[in-house]
Amino acid sequence: QVQLAESGGGLVQAGASLRLSCAASGRTFGNYAMGWFRQAPGKEREFVAAISQNPRSTSYADSVKGRVAIFRDNVNNRVYLQMNNLKPEDTAVYYCAAGLALGSTDNEYAYWGQGTQVTVSS
């Protein structure tokens, strides 16, 4: 099993940047693909980005492509989401998740963090 804890959220103005961090417990972090998802009020949770176990493959939602980068540190068991040029529509709770394969749907990830709030004001 792996336990996940997100941090780095906050209230920022449109155009600002944020880096979210997800710390994973356990010795098997490198065995998992990692994903970031988000859920805005009144909306379903949606995929943001994912990275494979070896960090050679990444995947991004069209809505964030070019503004967001996912990367991981397999030594320190962390995955990051760098978000630039934030927009009000990026406001959501952001979750990191661990799964066995690079995927873009909820059911491909077995382990989830509690989430961190990102609020972007206009």
Protein backbone atom coordinates (compact mmCIF):
# COMPACT_ATOMS: atom_id res chain seq x y z
CA GLN A 1 0.00 0.00 0.00
CA VAL A 2 0.93 3.62 -0.34
CA GLN A 3 -0.37 6.63 1.54
CA LEU A 4 -0.45 10.01 -0.13
CA ALA A 5 -0.49 13.54 1.26
CA GLU A 6 -0.84 16.64 -0.89
CA SER A 7 0.38 20.12 -0.05
CA GLY A 8 1.04 23.42 -1.75
CA GLY A 9 -2.45 24.63 -2.48
CA GLY A 10 -3.62 28.13 -1.71
CA LEU A 11 -5.32 31.29 -2.89
CA VAL A 12 -3.63 33.03 -5.81
CA GLN A 13 -4.51 35.57 -8.45
CA ALA A 14 -5.03 34.72 -12.07
CA GLY A 15 -1.73 34.43 -13.90
CA ALA A 16 0.18 33.21 -10.85
CA SER A 17 1.98 29.91 -10.45
CA LEU A 18 1.73 27.17 -7.85
CA ARG A 19 3.62 23.96 -7.26
CA LEU A 20 1.66 21.17 -5.64
CA SER A 21 3.51 18.41 -3.90
CA CYS A 22 2.42 14.91 -3.03
CA ALA A 23 4.40 12.91 -0.49
CA ALA A 24 4.08 9.14 -0.60
CA SER A 25 4.79 6.72 2.18
CA GLY A 26 6.18 3.25 1.71
CA ARG A 27 9.12 1.75 -0.14
CA THR A 28 7.28 0.94 -3.34
CA PHE A 29 6.65 4.45 -4.64
CA GLY A 30 8.67 3.70 -7.77
CA ASN A 31 6.27 0.88 -8.66
CA TYR A 32 3.37 3.25 -9.18
CA ALA A 33 2.30 5.57 -11.91
CA MET A 34 1.16 8.82 -10.36
CA GLY A 35 -1.68 11.07 -11.37
CA TRP A 36 -3.17 14.40 -10.44
CA PHE A 37 -6.91 14.95 -10.59
CA ARG A 38 -9.09 17.84 -9.55
CA GLN A 39 -12.68 18.43 -8.52
CA ALA A 40 -14.38 21.78 -8.74
CA PRO A 41 -17.53 22.55 -6.74
CA GLY A 42 -20.54 20.89 -8.31
CA LYS A 43 -18.46 19.05 -10.89
CA GLU A 44 -17.09 15.56 -11.26
CA ARG A 45 -13.48 14.82 -10.55
CA GLU A 46 -11.38 15.20 -13.68
CA PHE A 47 -7.95 14.15 -14.83
CA VAL A 48 -5.17 16.73 -14.88
CA ALA A 49 -1.85 14.94 -15.46
CA ALA A 50 -0.05 11.65 -14.97
CA ILE A 51 3.48 10.30 -15.03
CA SER A 52 4.76 6.77 -15.45
CA GLN A 53 6.82 4.83 -12.96
CA ASN A 54 10.02 5.60 -14.80
CA PRO A 55 9.38 9.25 -15.49
CA ARG A 56 9.71 9.00 -19.24
CA SER A 57 6.02 9.17 -20.05
CA THR A 58 3.58 11.89 -19.12
CA SER A 59 0.01 12.67 -20.03
CA TYR A 60 -1.95 15.90 -19.69
CA ALA A 61 -5.55 16.99 -20.00
CA ASP A 62 -6.12 19.31 -22.93
CA SER A 63 -7.40 22.00 -20.56
CA VAL A 64 -4.01 22.32 -18.86
CA LYS A 65 -1.58 21.33 -21.59
CA GLY A 66 1.19 23.89 -21.93
CA ARG A 67 0.51 25.38 -18.48
CA VAL A 68 1.15 22.40 -16.25
CA ALA A 69 4.06 20.03 -15.74
CA ILE A 70 4.16 16.84 -13.71
CA PHE A 71 7.39 15.40 -12.42
CA ARG A 72 8.49 12.98 -9.76
CA ASP A 73 11.35 12.29 -7.41
CA ASN A 74 11.61 8.58 -6.85
CA VAL A 75 14.37 9.00 -4.27
CA ASN A 76 12.27 11.18 -1.99
CA ASN A 77 8.92 9.61 -2.85
CA ARG A 78 7.32 12.75 -4.16
CA VAL A 79 5.38 13.81 -7.19
CA TYR A 80 4.85 17.44 -8.14
CA LEU A 81 2.44 19.43 -10.23
CA GLN A 82 3.82 22.74 -11.44
CA MET A 83 0.98 24.99 -12.55
CA ASN A 84 1.62 28.24 -14.39
CA ASN A 85 -0.62 30.99 -15.70
CA LEU A 86 -3.41 29.86 -13.42
CA LYS A 87 -6.98 30.71 -14.38
CA PRO A 88 -10.13 31.00 -12.26
CA GLU A 89 -11.39 27.81 -13.89
CA ASP A 90 -8.45 25.97 -12.32
CA THR A 91 -10.10 26.45 -8.92
CA ALA A 92 -10.64 23.00 -7.44
CA VAL A 93 -9.49 20.51 -4.88
CA TYR A 94 -6.45 18.76 -6.33
CA TYR A 95 -5.79 15.11 -5.57
CA CYS A 96 -2.81 12.94 -6.23
CA ALA A 97 -3.30 9.27 -6.91
CA ALA A 98 -1.20 6.14 -7.37
CA GLY A 99 -1.90 3.34 -9.78
CA LEU A 100 -0.19 0.53 -11.63
CA ALA A 101 -0.38 2.10 -15.07
CA LEU A 102 -0.39 5.52 -16.65
CA GLY A 103 -4.04 6.41 -16.98
CA SER A 104 -6.52 9.25 -17.12
CA THR A 105 -9.55 7.79 -15.38
CA ASP A 106 -10.35 7.46 -11.68
CA ASN A 107 -10.67 3.71 -11.71
CA GLU A 108 -7.08 3.26 -12.88
CA TYR A 109 -5.80 4.56 -9.56
CA ALA A 110 -6.08 2.58 -6.35
CA TYR A 111 -4.71 5.06 -3.82
CA TRP A 112 -5.71 8.66 -3.23
CA GLY A 113 -4.69 11.55 -1.07
CA GLN A 114 -7.03 13.84 0.83
CA GLY A 115 -6.62 16.74 -1.57
CA THR A 116 -5.40 20.31 -1.43
CA GLN A 117 -7.50 23.35 -2.30
CA VAL A 118 -6.42 25.66 -5.09
CA THR A 119 -8.37 28.87 -5.50
CA VAL A 120 -7.63 31.28 -8.32
CA SER A 121 -9.17 34.73 -8.13
CA SER A 122 -9.81 36.86 -11.17
